[in-house]
N, C-alpha and C. Protein backbone atom coordinates (compact mmCIF):
# COMPACT_ATOMS: atom_id res chain seq x y z
N MET A 1 -11.73 -13.10 4.98
CA MET A 1 -10.67 -12.67 3.91
C MET A 1 -9.69 -13.66 3.70
N LYS A 2 -9.46 -14.12 2.29
CA LYS A 2 -8.56 -15.37 2.15
C LYS A 2 -7.06 -14.62 2.02
N THR A 3 -6.25 -15.45 2.69
CA THR A 3 -4.82 -15.08 2.56
C THR A 3 -4.38 -15.02 1.29
N ARG A 4 -4.72 -15.93 0.58
CA ARG A 4 -3.89 -15.77 -1.29
C ARG A 4 -4.61 -14.65 -1.81
N GLU A 5 -5.69 -14.36 -1.70
CA GLU A 5 -6.52 -12.95 -2.12
C GLU A 5 -5.61 -11.53 -1.65
N LEU A 6 -5.40 -11.71 -0.37
CA LEU A 6 -4.37 -10.45 0.27
C LEU A 6 -3.12 -10.61 -0.53
N GLU A 7 -2.67 -11.82 -0.23
CA GLU A 7 -1.37 -11.51 -1.19
C GLU A 7 -1.35 -11.42 -2.21
N GLU A 8 -1.91 -11.80 -3.27
CA GLU A 8 -2.03 -11.24 -4.61
C GLU A 8 -2.47 -9.89 -4.59
N LEU A 9 -3.46 -9.35 -3.98
CA LEU A 9 -3.73 -7.91 -4.07
C LEU A 9 -2.39 -7.23 -3.61
N SER A 10 -1.65 -7.53 -2.60
CA SER A 10 -0.38 -6.92 -2.01
C SER A 10 0.63 -6.79 -3.21
N HIS A 11 0.79 -7.93 -4.12
CA HIS A 11 2.05 -8.12 -5.23
C HIS A 11 1.33 -7.36 -6.16
N SER A 12 0.27 -7.11 -6.60
CA SER A 12 -0.35 -6.71 -7.84
C SER A 12 -0.48 -4.81 -7.72
N LEU A 13 -0.19 -4.28 -6.62
CA LEU A 13 0.02 -2.91 -6.45
C LEU A 13 1.15 -2.30 -5.86
N PRO A 14 1.32 -1.14 -6.37
CA PRO A 14 2.50 -0.15 -5.80
C PRO A 14 2.77 -0.05 -4.32
N THR A 15 3.69 -0.13 -3.57
CA THR A 15 3.85 0.01 -2.48
C THR A 15 2.90 0.89 -1.59
N GLU A 16 3.20 2.17 -2.06
CA GLU A 16 2.21 3.30 -1.63
C GLU A 16 0.72 2.69 -1.70
N ALA A 17 0.31 2.28 -2.68
CA ALA A 17 -1.10 1.97 -2.50
C ALA A 17 -1.52 0.71 -1.77
N GLY A 18 -0.52 -0.13 -1.70
CA GLY A 18 -0.63 -1.40 -1.00
C GLY A 18 -0.93 -1.32 0.52
N THR A 19 -0.30 -0.49 0.96
CA THR A 19 -0.28 -0.10 2.47
C THR A 19 -1.39 1.09 2.75
N ARG A 20 -2.13 1.49 1.80
CA ARG A 20 -3.33 2.67 2.07
C ARG A 20 -4.44 2.05 1.93
N VAL A 21 -4.69 0.97 1.10
CA VAL A 21 -5.86 0.50 0.80
C VAL A 21 -6.82 -0.03 2.26
N ARG A 22 -7.99 0.50 2.14
CA ARG A 22 -8.66 -0.13 3.32
C ARG A 22 -9.55 -1.29 2.76
N LEU A 23 -9.74 -2.15 3.37
CA LEU A 23 -10.74 -3.54 3.18
C LEU A 23 -11.71 -3.65 4.01
N PRO A 24 -12.74 -4.27 3.85
CA PRO A 24 -12.86 -4.61 2.53
C PRO A 24 -13.52 -3.27 1.49
N ILE A 25 -13.31 -3.49 0.25
CA ILE A 25 -13.57 -2.34 -0.53
C ILE A 25 -15.03 -2.65 -1.38
N VAL A 26 -16.07 -1.73 -1.11
CA VAL A 26 -17.42 -1.76 -1.29
C VAL A 26 -17.37 -1.16 -2.72
N PHE A 27 -18.47 -1.65 -3.35
CA PHE A 27 -18.87 -1.06 -5.03
C PHE A 27 -20.31 -0.75 -4.29
N LEU A 28 -20.87 0.55 -4.84
CA LEU A 28 -22.47 0.81 -4.62
C LEU A 28 -22.84 0.71 -6.09
N ARG A 29 -23.89 -0.19 -6.29
CA ARG A 29 -24.53 0.15 -7.44
C ARG A 29 -25.16 1.37 -8.04
N ARG A 30 -24.99 1.83 -9.01
CA ARG A 30 -25.63 3.25 -9.21
C ARG A 30 -26.21 3.45 -10.22
N ARG A 31 -27.60 3.07 -10.31
CA ARG A 31 -28.76 2.89 -11.44
C ARG A 31 -28.54 4.00 -12.24
N ASP A 32 -28.58 5.48 -11.32
CA ASP A 32 -28.31 6.86 -11.99
C ASP A 32 -27.66 7.09 -13.15
N LEU A 33 -26.31 6.18 -12.89
CA LEU A 33 -25.37 6.24 -13.87
C LEU A 33 -25.40 5.32 -15.25
N GLY A 34 -26.63 4.82 -14.99
CA GLY A 34 -26.30 3.57 -16.12
C GLY A 34 -26.38 2.23 -15.87
N PRO A 35 -26.80 1.21 -16.99
CA PRO A 35 -26.78 -0.05 -16.71
C PRO A 35 -25.29 -0.76 -16.11
N GLY A 36 -25.49 -1.31 -15.09
CA GLY A 36 -24.33 -1.82 -14.76
C GLY A 36 -23.04 -1.02 -14.04
N ALA A 37 -23.75 0.12 -13.67
CA ALA A 37 -22.43 1.09 -13.36
C ALA A 37 -22.19 0.87 -11.79
N PHE A 38 -21.09 0.89 -11.20
CA PHE A 38 -20.80 1.30 -9.89
C PHE A 38 -19.77 1.79 -9.65
N THR A 39 -19.86 2.76 -8.15
CA THR A 39 -19.14 3.42 -7.76
C THR A 39 -18.20 2.88 -6.50
N VAL A 40 -16.98 3.49 -6.03
CA VAL A 40 -16.27 2.75 -5.23
C VAL A 40 -16.46 3.38 -3.87
N MET A 41 -17.02 3.05 -2.84
CA MET A 41 -17.26 3.54 -1.56
C MET A 41 -15.95 3.90 -0.83
N GLY A 42 -15.08 4.81 -0.91
CA GLY A 42 -13.90 4.80 -0.34
C GLY A 42 -13.08 5.86 -0.84
N GLY A 43 -11.88 5.93 -0.41
CA GLY A 43 -11.07 7.09 -0.79
C GLY A 43 -10.14 6.89 -2.32
N ARG A 44 -9.19 8.24 -2.31
CA ARG A 44 -8.60 7.93 -3.54
C ARG A 44 -7.90 6.57 -3.73
N TYR A 45 -7.22 6.45 -2.60
CA TYR A 45 -6.37 4.93 -2.90
C TYR A 45 -7.08 3.99 -3.27
N GLU A 46 -8.54 3.57 -2.62
CA GLU A 46 -9.18 2.39 -2.98
C GLU A 46 -9.43 2.52 -4.74
N GLU A 47 -10.01 3.59 -5.02
CA GLU A 47 -10.31 4.05 -6.48
C GLU A 47 -9.09 3.73 -7.33
N TYR A 48 -7.93 4.17 -6.91
CA TYR A 48 -6.53 4.25 -7.85
C TYR A 48 -6.28 2.43 -7.77
N ALA A 49 -6.39 1.79 -6.33
CA ALA A 49 -6.03 0.41 -6.61
C ALA A 49 -7.18 -0.41 -7.38
N LEU A 50 -8.37 0.08 -7.53
CA LEU A 50 -9.27 -0.96 -8.25
C LEU A 50 -9.16 -0.72 -9.59
N LEU A 51 -8.92 0.58 -10.37
CA LEU A 51 -8.55 0.97 -11.51
C LEU A 51 -7.15 0.10 -11.75
N LEU A 52 -6.24 0.27 -11.21
CA LEU A 52 -5.19 -0.71 -11.70
C LEU A 52 -5.40 -2.02 -12.06
N LEU A 53 -6.19 -2.63 -11.03
CA LEU A 53 -6.36 -4.19 -10.78
C LEU A 53 -6.95 -4.32 -12.09
N ALA A 54 -8.19 -3.36 -12.36
CA ALA A 54 -9.19 -3.78 -13.46
C ALA A 54 -8.54 -3.26 -14.85
N GLU A 55 -7.03 -2.82 -14.82
CA GLU A 55 -6.38 -2.55 -15.88
C GLU A 55 -6.83 -1.28 -16.79
N SER A 56 -7.59 -0.42 -16.06
CA SER A 56 -8.40 0.68 -16.36
C SER A 56 -7.63 1.84 -16.37
N PHE A 57 -6.21 1.99 -15.82
CA PHE A 57 -5.59 2.95 -15.38
C PHE A 57 -3.99 2.39 -15.50
N GLN A 58 -3.11 3.47 -15.94
CA GLN A 58 -1.66 2.89 -15.64
C GLN A 58 -0.76 4.13 -15.14
N GLY A 59 -0.32 4.14 -14.49
CA GLY A 59 0.10 5.41 -14.08
C GLY A 59 0.45 5.27 -12.36
N SER A 60 1.34 6.45 -12.24
CA SER A 60 1.60 6.47 -10.33
C SER A 60 0.37 7.25 -10.03
N PHE A 61 0.29 7.37 -8.61
CA PHE A 61 -0.73 7.69 -7.65
C PHE A 61 -0.93 9.28 -7.97
N GLU A 62 0.22 9.86 -8.29
CA GLU A 62 0.00 11.07 -8.36
C GLU A 62 -0.42 11.93 -9.80
N GLN A 63 -0.06 10.60 -10.90
CA GLN A 63 -0.96 10.98 -11.88
C GLN A 63 -2.23 10.78 -12.25
N PHE A 64 -2.91 9.92 -11.13
CA PHE A 64 -4.29 9.41 -11.18
C PHE A 64 -4.87 10.49 -10.37
N LYS A 65 -4.37 11.42 -9.36
CA LYS A 65 -4.83 12.50 -8.50
C LYS A 65 -4.73 13.55 -9.47
N GLU A 66 -3.98 13.67 -10.37
CA GLU A 66 -4.20 14.71 -11.44
C GLU A 66 -5.39 14.68 -12.27
N GLN A 67 -5.51 13.41 -12.50
CA GLN A 67 -6.70 12.80 -14.03
C GLN A 67 -7.96 12.72 -13.19
N LYS A 68 -7.85 12.51 -11.91
CA LYS A 68 -8.97 11.96 -11.32
C LYS A 68 -10.18 12.47 -11.76
N PRO A 69 -11.40 11.95 -12.18
CA PRO A 69 -12.79 12.55 -12.40
C PRO A 69 -13.35 12.97 -10.89
N GLU A 70 -14.72 13.58 -10.94
CA GLU A 70 -15.24 13.57 -9.58
C GLU A 70 -15.70 12.20 -8.88
N SER A 71 -15.94 11.20 -9.60
CA SER A 71 -15.95 10.03 -8.66
C SER A 71 -15.63 8.69 -9.95
N VAL A 72 -14.81 7.82 -9.67
CA VAL A 72 -14.75 6.51 -10.42
C VAL A 72 -15.96 5.89 -10.68
N VAL A 73 -16.04 5.65 -11.79
CA VAL A 73 -17.36 4.77 -12.31
C VAL A 73 -16.52 3.42 -12.62
N LEU A 74 -16.77 2.45 -12.18
CA LEU A 74 -16.42 0.89 -12.96
C LEU A 74 -18.08 0.50 -13.30
N PHE A 75 -17.80 -0.48 -14.60
CA PHE A 75 -18.72 -1.23 -15.11
C PHE A 75 -18.73 -2.80 -14.63
N LYS A 76 -20.14 -3.55 -15.18
CA LYS A 76 -20.27 -4.52 -14.73
C LYS A 76 -19.07 -5.90 -15.15
N PRO A 77 -18.48 -5.65 -16.32
CA PRO A 77 -17.25 -6.31 -16.92
C PRO A 77 -16.04 -6.06 -15.88
N GLN A 78 -15.99 -5.16 -15.69
CA GLN A 78 -14.76 -4.82 -14.70
C GLN A 78 -14.96 -5.46 -13.31
N ILE A 79 -16.04 -5.17 -12.77
CA ILE A 79 -16.39 -5.64 -11.59
C ILE A 79 -16.41 -7.16 -11.35
N SER A 80 -16.93 -7.83 -12.27
CA SER A 80 -16.64 -9.26 -12.83
C SER A 80 -14.90 -9.87 -12.56
N LEU A 81 -14.31 -8.84 -13.10
CA LEU A 81 -12.83 -9.30 -13.52
C LEU A 81 -12.58 -9.22 -11.78
N LEU A 82 -12.57 -8.15 -11.23
CA LEU A 82 -11.91 -8.03 -9.87
C LEU A 82 -12.87 -9.04 -8.89
N MET A 83 -14.10 -9.13 -8.92
CA MET A 83 -14.71 -10.28 -7.84
C MET A 83 -14.18 -11.60 -8.37
N ARG A 84 -13.84 -12.33 -9.50
CA ARG A 84 -13.15 -13.44 -9.77
C ARG A 84 -11.94 -13.35 -8.99
N ARG A 85 -10.99 -12.32 -8.95
CA ARG A 85 -9.79 -12.47 -8.73
C ARG A 85 -9.76 -12.11 -7.15
N PHE A 86 -10.80 -11.32 -6.46
CA PHE A 86 -10.55 -10.88 -5.13
C PHE A 86 -12.15 -10.68 -4.17
N HIS A 87 -12.60 -12.11 -4.41
CA HIS A 87 -14.16 -12.12 -3.93
C HIS A 87 -14.28 -11.85 -2.68
N SER A 88 -13.26 -12.47 -1.59
CA SER A 88 -13.34 -12.27 -0.32
C SER A 88 -12.98 -10.67 0.14
N LEU A 89 -12.64 -10.17 -0.53
CA LEU A 89 -12.01 -8.51 -0.31
C LEU A 89 -12.84 -7.53 -1.05
N LEU A 90 -13.99 -7.78 -1.64
CA LEU A 90 -15.04 -6.83 -2.22
C LEU A 90 -16.40 -7.34 -1.80
N VAL A 91 -17.02 -6.22 -1.61
CA VAL A 91 -18.54 -5.98 -1.31
C VAL A 91 -19.10 -5.44 -2.21
N LEU A 92 -20.42 -5.84 -2.68
CA LEU A 92 -21.39 -5.34 -3.66
C LEU A 92 -22.55 -4.71 -3.00
N GLY A 93 -22.65 -3.30 -2.62
CA GLY A 93 -23.78 -2.41 -2.29
C GLY A 93 -24.96 -2.40 -3.29
N PHE A 94 -25.90 -2.49 -2.76
CA PHE A 94 -27.22 -1.81 -3.68
C PHE A 94 -27.84 -0.86 -2.42
N GLY A 95 -28.14 0.48 -3.12
CA GLY A 95 -28.84 1.23 -2.44
C GLY A 95 -28.96 2.45 -3.24
N SER A 96 -29.62 3.52 -2.48
CA SER A 96 -29.89 4.82 -2.98
C SER A 96 -28.90 5.57 -2.94
N SER A 97 -28.54 6.38 -3.69
CA SER A 97 -27.33 7.64 -3.50
C SER A 97 -28.04 8.83 -4.25
N ASP A 98 -27.43 10.24 -3.89
CA ASP A 98 -27.55 10.89 -4.86
C ASP A 98 -26.46 11.03 -5.95
N ILE A 99 -26.39 11.78 -6.70
CA ILE A 99 -25.48 11.93 -7.76
C ILE A 99 -24.16 12.03 -7.62
N ALA A 100 -23.85 12.51 -6.68
CA ALA A 100 -21.94 12.66 -5.97
C ALA A 100 -22.11 11.26 -5.17
N GLY A 101 -22.76 10.50 -4.92
CA GLY A 101 -22.62 9.15 -4.51
C GLY A 101 -22.61 9.25 -2.87
N ARG A 102 -23.34 10.02 -2.36
CA ARG A 102 -23.63 10.16 -1.10
C ARG A 102 -24.67 9.69 -0.73
N ALA A 103 -24.76 8.80 0.25
CA ALA A 103 -25.89 8.03 0.60
C ALA A 103 -26.79 9.01 1.51
N PRO A 104 -28.32 8.42 1.44
CA PRO A 104 -28.91 9.47 2.08
C PRO A 104 -28.89 9.57 3.87
N SER A 105 -29.53 10.47 4.49
CA SER A 105 -29.01 10.21 5.84
C SER A 105 -30.63 9.91 6.25
N VAL A 106 -30.35 9.43 7.38
CA VAL A 106 -32.15 8.79 7.94
C VAL A 106 -32.95 9.37 7.65
N TYR A 107 -32.85 10.92 7.77
CA TYR A 107 -33.81 11.98 8.01
C TYR A 107 -34.41 11.73 6.47
N GLU A 108 -33.47 11.80 5.18
CA GLU A 108 -33.98 11.80 4.21
C GLU A 108 -34.69 10.66 3.75
N GLU A 109 -34.21 9.30 4.07
CA GLU A 109 -34.59 8.07 3.58
C GLU A 109 -36.49 8.14 4.54
N TYR A 110 -36.37 8.67 5.99
CA TYR A 110 -37.71 8.86 6.74
C TYR A 110 -38.15 9.81 5.84
N ALA A 111 -38.20 10.62 5.39
CA ALA A 111 -38.91 11.77 4.41
C ALA A 111 -39.65 11.07 3.12
N THR A 112 -38.30 10.32 2.53
CA THR A 112 -39.00 9.53 1.27
C THR A 112 -39.88 8.59 1.56
N VAL A 113 -39.95 7.76 2.72
CA VAL A 113 -41.01 6.66 2.74
C VAL A 113 -42.12 7.38 3.34
N CYS A 114 -42.16 8.54 4.04
CA CYS A 114 -43.52 9.48 4.51
C CYS A 114 -44.12 9.70 2.94
N LEU A 115 -43.02 10.29 2.18
CA LEU A 115 -43.92 10.93 0.84
C LEU A 115 -44.50 9.79 -0.05
N VAL A 116 -43.89 8.52 0.03
CA VAL A 116 -44.29 7.54 -0.51
C VAL A 116 -45.84 7.01 -0.01
N TYR A 117 -45.59 7.18 1.55
CA TYR A 117 -47.02 6.93 2.11
C TYR A 117 -47.87 7.87 1.69
N GLU A 118 -47.83 9.03 1.63
CA GLU A 118 -48.51 10.09 1.36
C GLU A 118 -49.18 9.94 0.21
N ASN A 119 -48.48 9.43 -1.09
CA ASN A 119 -48.87 9.44 -2.26
C ASN A 119 -50.02 7.74 -2.31
N LEU A 120 -49.52 6.98 -1.59
CA LEU A 120 -50.37 6.09 -1.60
C LEU A 120 -51.61 6.05 -1.04
N ARG A 121 -52.19 6.76 0.14
CA ARG A 121 -53.12 7.46 0.60
C ARG A 121 -53.79 8.42 -0.19
N THR A 122 -53.34 9.19 -1.04
CA THR A 122 -54.35 9.93 -2.07
C THR A 122 -54.78 9.01 -3.00
N LEU A 123 -53.92 7.99 -3.46
CA LEU A 123 -54.09 6.96 -4.26
C LEU A 123 -55.34 6.30 -4.08
N GLU A 124 -55.43 5.87 -2.53
CA GLU A 124 -56.49 5.24 -1.88
C GLU A 124 -57.86 5.90 -2.03
N ASP A 125 -57.40 7.30 -1.40
CA ASP A 125 -58.81 8.18 -1.49
C ASP A 125 -59.35 8.56 -3.00
N ASN A 126 -58.48 8.62 -3.86
CA ASN A 126 -59.29 8.84 -5.32
C ASN A 126 -59.34 7.63 -5.74
N GLN A 127 -59.38 6.25 -5.20
CA GLN A 127 -59.59 4.83 -5.52
C GLN A 127 -58.87 4.40 -7.13
N ILE A 128 -57.99 4.92 -6.97
CA ILE A 128 -57.11 4.36 -8.26
C ILE A 128 -56.14 3.28 -7.89
N VAL A 129 -56.31 2.13 -8.63
CA VAL A 129 -55.76 0.84 -7.95
C VAL A 129 -54.50 0.51 -9.24
N LEU A 130 -53.32 0.17 -8.89
CA LEU A 130 -52.35 -0.07 -9.90
C LEU A 130 -52.22 -1.57 -10.20
């Protein structure tokens, strides 16, 4: 993490948010929400801070808590702006998640792999080639 970016982040946020944001901030790519959609992996302070930095919200944290939707969604133009300013403080994640942003458990991922394997075996038995 670059000192210059940490200082810029600290000066860009209200005192309350600046002391509670956990770094690095992780964005999760969400194909289920549309092209270029990302959610913030973290708590309310991380979401609040990123919306302030992306100039998508103006107000106090209390106002944010009252208005906050189920999950904050940021799109590629906002992500690009944030990455240019805070490249060393942000991480882009690509993976599967359900609609609530919850990552699947190891068991769920194993079950998905087994299902895909079974479907491939069925295709091979029927001699269907893609």
